[in-house]
């Protein structure tokens, strides 16, 4: 958990530790797979899946344009990072949507 918190705080120094913990619990077993820990490239298919499952189902954002913008902003924020951690990316999307409370 400390590793995830430290990584998120690289992008948001005041990151909510409880929100990060809830993301870690949500991702669960997927985080045990080294390939699932990171988001390597955000292609259209992956962005659509994030919009539908993370933004829509989990965060309750049904506005496609708003969800796409949040995903794009997180992608831009982490763009220089070659190994973008999934927990950090999801946190940044939720924060951009103002939906940390939905976690």
N, C-alpha and C. Protein backbone atom coordinates (compact mmCIF):
# COMPACT_ATOMS: atom_id res chain seq x y z
N UNK A 1 0.83 -1.19 0.00
CA UNK A 1 0.00 0.00 0.00
C UNK A 1 0.87 1.26 0.00
N UNK A 2 1.95 1.25 0.76
CA UNK A 2 2.82 2.43 0.84
C UNK A 2 3.41 2.78 -0.53
N UNK A 3 3.71 1.76 -1.31
CA UNK A 3 4.24 1.96 -2.65
C UNK A 3 3.24 2.69 -3.54
N UNK A 4 1.98 2.28 -3.45
CA UNK A 4 0.93 2.93 -4.25
C UNK A 4 0.73 4.38 -3.79
N UNK A 5 0.70 4.58 -2.50
CA UNK A 5 0.52 5.93 -1.95
C UNK A 5 1.66 6.84 -2.40
N UNK A 6 2.88 6.37 -2.32
CA UNK A 6 4.04 7.17 -2.72
C UNK A 6 3.97 7.52 -4.21
N UNK A 7 3.54 6.57 -5.04
CA UNK A 7 3.46 6.84 -6.47
C UNK A 7 2.37 7.86 -6.77
N UNK A 8 1.21 7.72 -6.16
CA UNK A 8 0.12 8.69 -6.39
C UNK A 8 0.56 10.07 -5.93
N UNK A 9 1.26 10.14 -4.83
CA UNK A 9 1.68 11.44 -4.29
C UNK A 9 2.75 12.12 -5.14
N UNK A 10 3.33 11.41 -6.08
CA UNK A 10 4.22 12.05 -7.06
C UNK A 10 3.40 13.02 -7.94
N UNK A 11 2.14 12.71 -8.14
CA UNK A 11 1.27 13.51 -9.00
C UNK A 11 0.29 14.37 -8.20
N UNK A 12 -0.04 13.93 -7.01
CA UNK A 12 -0.97 14.65 -6.13
C UNK A 12 -0.44 14.55 -4.70
N UNK A 13 0.34 15.55 -4.28
CA UNK A 13 0.97 15.49 -2.96
C UNK A 13 -0.01 15.36 -1.79
N UNK A 14 -1.26 15.73 -1.99
CA UNK A 14 -2.25 15.64 -0.92
C UNK A 14 -3.22 14.47 -1.15
N UNK A 15 -2.78 13.46 -1.85
CA UNK A 15 -3.64 12.32 -2.19
C UNK A 15 -4.27 11.68 -0.96
N UNK A 16 -5.49 11.25 -1.11
CA UNK A 16 -6.28 10.63 -0.06
C UNK A 16 -5.89 9.14 0.06
N UNK A 17 -5.23 8.80 1.16
CA UNK A 17 -4.76 7.42 1.37
C UNK A 17 -5.92 6.42 1.40
N UNK A 18 -7.05 6.81 1.96
CA UNK A 18 -8.20 5.90 2.01
C UNK A 18 -8.75 5.63 0.62
N UNK A 19 -8.78 6.64 -0.23
CA UNK A 19 -9.25 6.45 -1.60
C UNK A 19 -8.32 5.51 -2.35
N UNK A 20 -7.03 5.66 -2.13
CA UNK A 20 -6.05 4.78 -2.77
C UNK A 20 -6.25 3.35 -2.29
N UNK A 21 -6.47 3.17 -1.02
CA UNK A 21 -6.69 1.84 -0.46
C UNK A 21 -7.94 1.20 -1.08
N UNK A 22 -8.98 2.00 -1.31
CA UNK A 22 -10.21 1.47 -1.92
C UNK A 22 -9.97 1.07 -3.38
N UNK A 23 -9.12 1.81 -4.09
CA UNK A 23 -8.78 1.43 -5.46
C UNK A 23 -8.01 0.11 -5.46
N UNK A 24 -7.07 -0.02 -4.55
CA UNK A 24 -6.28 -1.25 -4.44
C UNK A 24 -7.22 -2.43 -4.17
N UNK A 25 -8.18 -2.26 -3.28
CA UNK A 25 -9.14 -3.33 -2.98
C UNK A 25 -10.00 -3.63 -4.21
N UNK A 26 -10.40 -2.59 -4.93
CA UNK A 26 -11.23 -2.78 -6.13
C UNK A 26 -10.47 -3.60 -7.18
N UNK A 27 -9.21 -3.29 -7.37
CA UNK A 27 -8.42 -3.99 -8.38
C UNK A 27 -8.02 -5.39 -7.92
N UNK A 28 -7.93 -5.57 -6.61
CA UNK A 28 -7.72 -6.87 -6.01
C UNK A 28 -6.64 -7.74 -6.62
N UNK A 29 -7.06 -8.92 -7.04
CA UNK A 29 -6.15 -9.94 -7.55
C UNK A 29 -5.39 -9.46 -8.79
N UNK A 30 -5.98 -8.58 -9.56
CA UNK A 30 -5.32 -8.09 -10.78
C UNK A 30 -3.96 -7.48 -10.48
N UNK A 31 -3.81 -6.89 -9.31
CA UNK A 31 -2.54 -6.25 -8.96
C UNK A 31 -1.44 -7.25 -8.66
N UNK A 32 -1.78 -8.51 -8.52
CA UNK A 32 -0.76 -9.54 -8.29
C UNK A 32 -0.05 -9.92 -9.58
N UNK A 33 -0.68 -9.64 -10.68
CA UNK A 33 -0.10 -9.94 -11.99
C UNK A 33 0.78 -8.76 -12.40
N UNK A 34 2.08 -8.98 -12.59
CA UNK A 34 2.98 -7.88 -12.95
C UNK A 34 2.55 -7.11 -14.20
N UNK A 35 1.91 -7.79 -15.13
CA UNK A 35 1.46 -7.11 -16.35
C UNK A 35 0.26 -6.21 -16.09
N UNK A 36 -0.50 -6.48 -15.03
CA UNK A 36 -1.67 -5.68 -14.71
C UNK A 36 -1.36 -4.49 -13.81
N UNK A 37 -0.17 -4.47 -13.25
CA UNK A 37 0.22 -3.37 -12.36
C UNK A 37 0.35 -2.05 -13.10
N UNK A 38 0.69 -2.13 -14.38
CA UNK A 38 1.00 -0.92 -15.15
C UNK A 38 0.08 -0.77 -16.35
N UNK A 39 -0.07 0.46 -16.76
CA UNK A 39 -0.76 0.79 -18.01
C UNK A 39 0.34 1.25 -18.95
N UNK A 40 0.66 0.44 -19.93
CA UNK A 40 1.79 0.75 -20.82
C UNK A 40 1.42 1.76 -21.89
N UNK A 41 0.35 1.52 -22.59
CA UNK A 41 -0.08 2.44 -23.65
C UNK A 41 -1.60 2.52 -23.60
N UNK A 42 -2.11 3.69 -23.79
CA UNK A 42 -3.55 3.88 -23.73
C UNK A 42 -4.10 3.99 -25.15
N UNK A 43 -4.50 2.85 -25.70
CA UNK A 43 -5.08 2.86 -27.04
C UNK A 43 -6.59 3.07 -26.93
N UNK A 44 -7.25 3.20 -28.06
CA UNK A 44 -8.68 3.49 -28.09
C UNK A 44 -9.51 2.40 -27.40
N UNK A 45 -9.11 1.14 -27.59
CA UNK A 45 -9.84 0.02 -26.98
C UNK A 45 -9.74 0.06 -25.46
N UNK A 46 -8.54 0.30 -24.97
CA UNK A 46 -8.33 0.37 -23.52
C UNK A 46 -9.05 1.58 -22.93
N UNK A 47 -8.99 2.71 -23.61
CA UNK A 47 -9.68 3.92 -23.14
C UNK A 47 -11.19 3.68 -23.07
N UNK A 48 -11.74 2.99 -24.05
CA UNK A 48 -13.18 2.69 -24.05
C UNK A 48 -13.55 1.80 -22.87
N UNK A 49 -12.70 0.81 -22.58
CA UNK A 49 -12.94 -0.08 -21.46
C UNK A 49 -12.88 0.69 -20.13
N UNK A 50 -11.90 1.59 -20.00
CA UNK A 50 -11.80 2.43 -18.80
C UNK A 50 -13.04 3.31 -18.66
N UNK A 51 -13.48 3.89 -19.75
CA UNK A 51 -14.64 4.77 -19.73
C UNK A 51 -15.89 4.01 -19.28
N UNK A 52 -16.06 2.81 -19.84
CA UNK A 52 -17.25 2.03 -19.52
C UNK A 52 -17.21 1.46 -18.11
N UNK A 53 -16.11 0.78 -17.78
CA UNK A 53 -16.07 0.04 -16.52
C UNK A 53 -15.66 0.89 -15.32
N UNK A 54 -14.62 1.68 -15.46
CA UNK A 54 -14.14 2.47 -14.31
C UNK A 54 -14.96 3.74 -14.15
N UNK A 55 -15.04 4.52 -15.21
CA UNK A 55 -15.76 5.80 -15.11
C UNK A 55 -17.27 5.59 -14.98
N UNK A 56 -17.80 4.71 -15.82
CA UNK A 56 -19.25 4.51 -15.84
C UNK A 56 -19.76 3.68 -14.68
N UNK A 57 -19.31 2.45 -14.60
CA UNK A 57 -19.84 1.54 -13.57
C UNK A 57 -19.38 1.89 -12.16
N UNK A 58 -18.09 2.08 -11.98
CA UNK A 58 -17.57 2.29 -10.63
C UNK A 58 -17.78 3.72 -10.13
N UNK A 59 -17.49 4.70 -11.00
CA UNK A 59 -17.56 6.09 -10.56
C UNK A 59 -18.89 6.77 -10.87
N UNK A 60 -19.73 6.13 -11.67
CA UNK A 60 -21.05 6.67 -11.96
C UNK A 60 -21.07 7.83 -12.93
N UNK A 61 -20.03 7.99 -13.72
CA UNK A 61 -19.96 9.06 -14.71
C UNK A 61 -20.51 8.54 -16.04
N UNK A 62 -21.67 9.03 -16.44
CA UNK A 62 -22.28 8.58 -17.68
C UNK A 62 -22.03 9.53 -18.84
N UNK A 63 -21.40 10.65 -18.57
CA UNK A 63 -21.07 11.63 -19.61
C UNK A 63 -19.79 11.19 -20.32
N UNK A 64 -19.96 10.69 -21.54
CA UNK A 64 -18.83 10.13 -22.29
C UNK A 64 -17.71 11.14 -22.50
N UNK A 65 -18.05 12.36 -22.86
CA UNK A 65 -17.03 13.39 -23.11
C UNK A 65 -16.26 13.72 -21.85
N UNK A 66 -16.97 13.82 -20.75
CA UNK A 66 -16.32 14.13 -19.47
C UNK A 66 -15.38 13.00 -19.05
N UNK A 67 -15.84 11.75 -19.22
CA UNK A 67 -15.00 10.59 -18.89
C UNK A 67 -13.77 10.55 -19.78
N UNK A 68 -13.96 10.78 -21.08
CA UNK A 68 -12.83 10.79 -22.01
C UNK A 68 -11.82 11.87 -21.65
N UNK A 69 -12.30 13.04 -21.25
CA UNK A 69 -11.42 14.13 -20.86
C UNK A 69 -10.62 13.76 -19.60
N UNK A 70 -11.28 13.14 -18.63
CA UNK A 70 -10.59 12.73 -17.41
C UNK A 70 -9.50 11.71 -17.71
N UNK A 71 -9.81 10.76 -18.59
CA UNK A 71 -8.82 9.75 -18.99
C UNK A 71 -7.66 10.41 -19.72
N UNK A 72 -7.97 11.34 -20.60
CA UNK A 72 -6.93 12.05 -21.35
C UNK A 72 -6.04 12.88 -20.42
N UNK A 73 -6.65 13.54 -19.44
CA UNK A 73 -5.88 14.36 -18.50
C UNK A 73 -4.94 13.48 -17.66
N UNK A 74 -5.41 12.33 -17.21
CA UNK A 74 -4.55 11.41 -16.45
C UNK A 74 -3.42 10.91 -17.34
N UNK A 75 -3.75 10.60 -18.59
CA UNK A 75 -2.74 10.13 -19.54
C UNK A 75 -1.68 11.20 -19.77
N UNK A 76 -2.10 12.43 -19.89
CA UNK A 76 -1.14 13.54 -20.09
C UNK A 76 -0.29 13.75 -18.84
N UNK A 77 -0.92 13.70 -17.68
CA UNK A 77 -0.19 13.92 -16.42
C UNK A 77 0.90 12.87 -16.23
N UNK A 78 0.62 11.64 -16.66
CA UNK A 78 1.56 10.55 -16.46
C UNK A 78 2.35 10.24 -17.72
N UNK A 79 2.21 11.04 -18.73
CA UNK A 79 2.80 10.78 -20.03
C UNK A 79 4.29 10.51 -20.05
N UNK A 80 5.04 11.16 -19.20
CA UNK A 80 6.49 10.98 -19.19
C UNK A 80 6.92 9.71 -18.46
N UNK A 81 5.99 9.11 -17.75
CA UNK A 81 6.29 7.91 -16.96
C UNK A 81 6.12 6.67 -17.83
N UNK A 82 7.20 5.94 -18.07
CA UNK A 82 7.14 4.75 -18.92
C UNK A 82 6.38 3.60 -18.29
N UNK A 83 6.37 3.53 -16.98
CA UNK A 83 5.66 2.46 -16.28
C UNK A 83 4.59 3.09 -15.39
N UNK A 84 3.51 3.50 -16.01
CA UNK A 84 2.42 4.14 -15.27
C UNK A 84 1.68 3.10 -14.45
N UNK A 85 1.65 3.32 -13.16
CA UNK A 85 0.97 2.38 -12.28
C UNK A 85 -0.54 2.55 -12.40
N UNK A 86 -1.21 1.41 -12.52
CA UNK A 86 -2.67 1.38 -12.71
C UNK A 86 -3.40 2.09 -11.58
N UNK A 87 -2.99 1.86 -10.33
CA UNK A 87 -3.66 2.49 -9.19
C UNK A 87 -3.57 4.01 -9.30
N UNK A 88 -2.40 4.51 -9.65
CA UNK A 88 -2.21 5.95 -9.80
C UNK A 88 -3.08 6.50 -10.91
N UNK A 89 -3.09 5.82 -12.04
CA UNK A 89 -3.89 6.26 -13.18
C UNK A 89 -5.37 6.32 -12.80
N UNK A 90 -5.87 5.28 -12.17
CA UNK A 90 -7.28 5.24 -11.77
C UNK A 90 -7.59 6.34 -10.76
N UNK A 91 -6.66 6.58 -9.84
CA UNK A 91 -6.86 7.65 -8.86
C UNK A 91 -6.98 9.00 -9.56
N UNK A 92 -6.08 9.27 -10.48
CA UNK A 92 -6.10 10.55 -11.17
C UNK A 92 -7.38 10.75 -11.99
N UNK A 93 -7.87 9.69 -12.59
CA UNK A 93 -9.14 9.77 -13.33
C UNK A 93 -10.28 10.09 -12.36
N UNK A 94 -10.34 9.37 -11.25
CA UNK A 94 -11.41 9.61 -10.27
C UNK A 94 -11.34 11.03 -9.71
N UNK A 95 -10.14 11.50 -9.46
CA UNK A 95 -9.99 12.87 -8.94
C UNK A 95 -10.42 13.89 -9.98
N UNK A 96 -10.03 13.69 -11.22
CA UNK A 96 -10.40 14.60 -12.30
C UNK A 96 -11.93 14.68 -12.44
N UNK A 97 -12.60 13.56 -12.22
CA UNK A 97 -14.07 13.54 -12.30
C UNK A 97 -14.72 14.04 -11.03
N UNK A 98 -13.93 14.29 -9.98
CA UNK A 98 -14.49 14.72 -8.70
C UNK A 98 -15.27 13.60 -8.03
N UNK A 99 -14.84 12.36 -8.25
CA UNK A 99 -15.59 11.20 -7.76
C UNK A 99 -14.79 10.32 -6.79
N UNK A 100 -13.82 10.89 -6.10
CA UNK A 100 -13.09 10.10 -5.10
C UNK A 100 -14.03 9.56 -4.02
N UNK A 101 -15.11 10.29 -3.77
CA UNK A 101 -16.07 9.86 -2.77
C UNK A 101 -16.86 8.63 -3.22
N UNK A 102 -16.87 8.34 -4.52
CA UNK A 102 -17.61 7.18 -5.04
C UNK A 102 -16.82 5.88 -4.88
N UNK A 103 -15.59 6.00 -4.47
CA UNK A 103 -14.77 4.80 -4.30
C UNK A 103 -15.21 4.14 -3.04
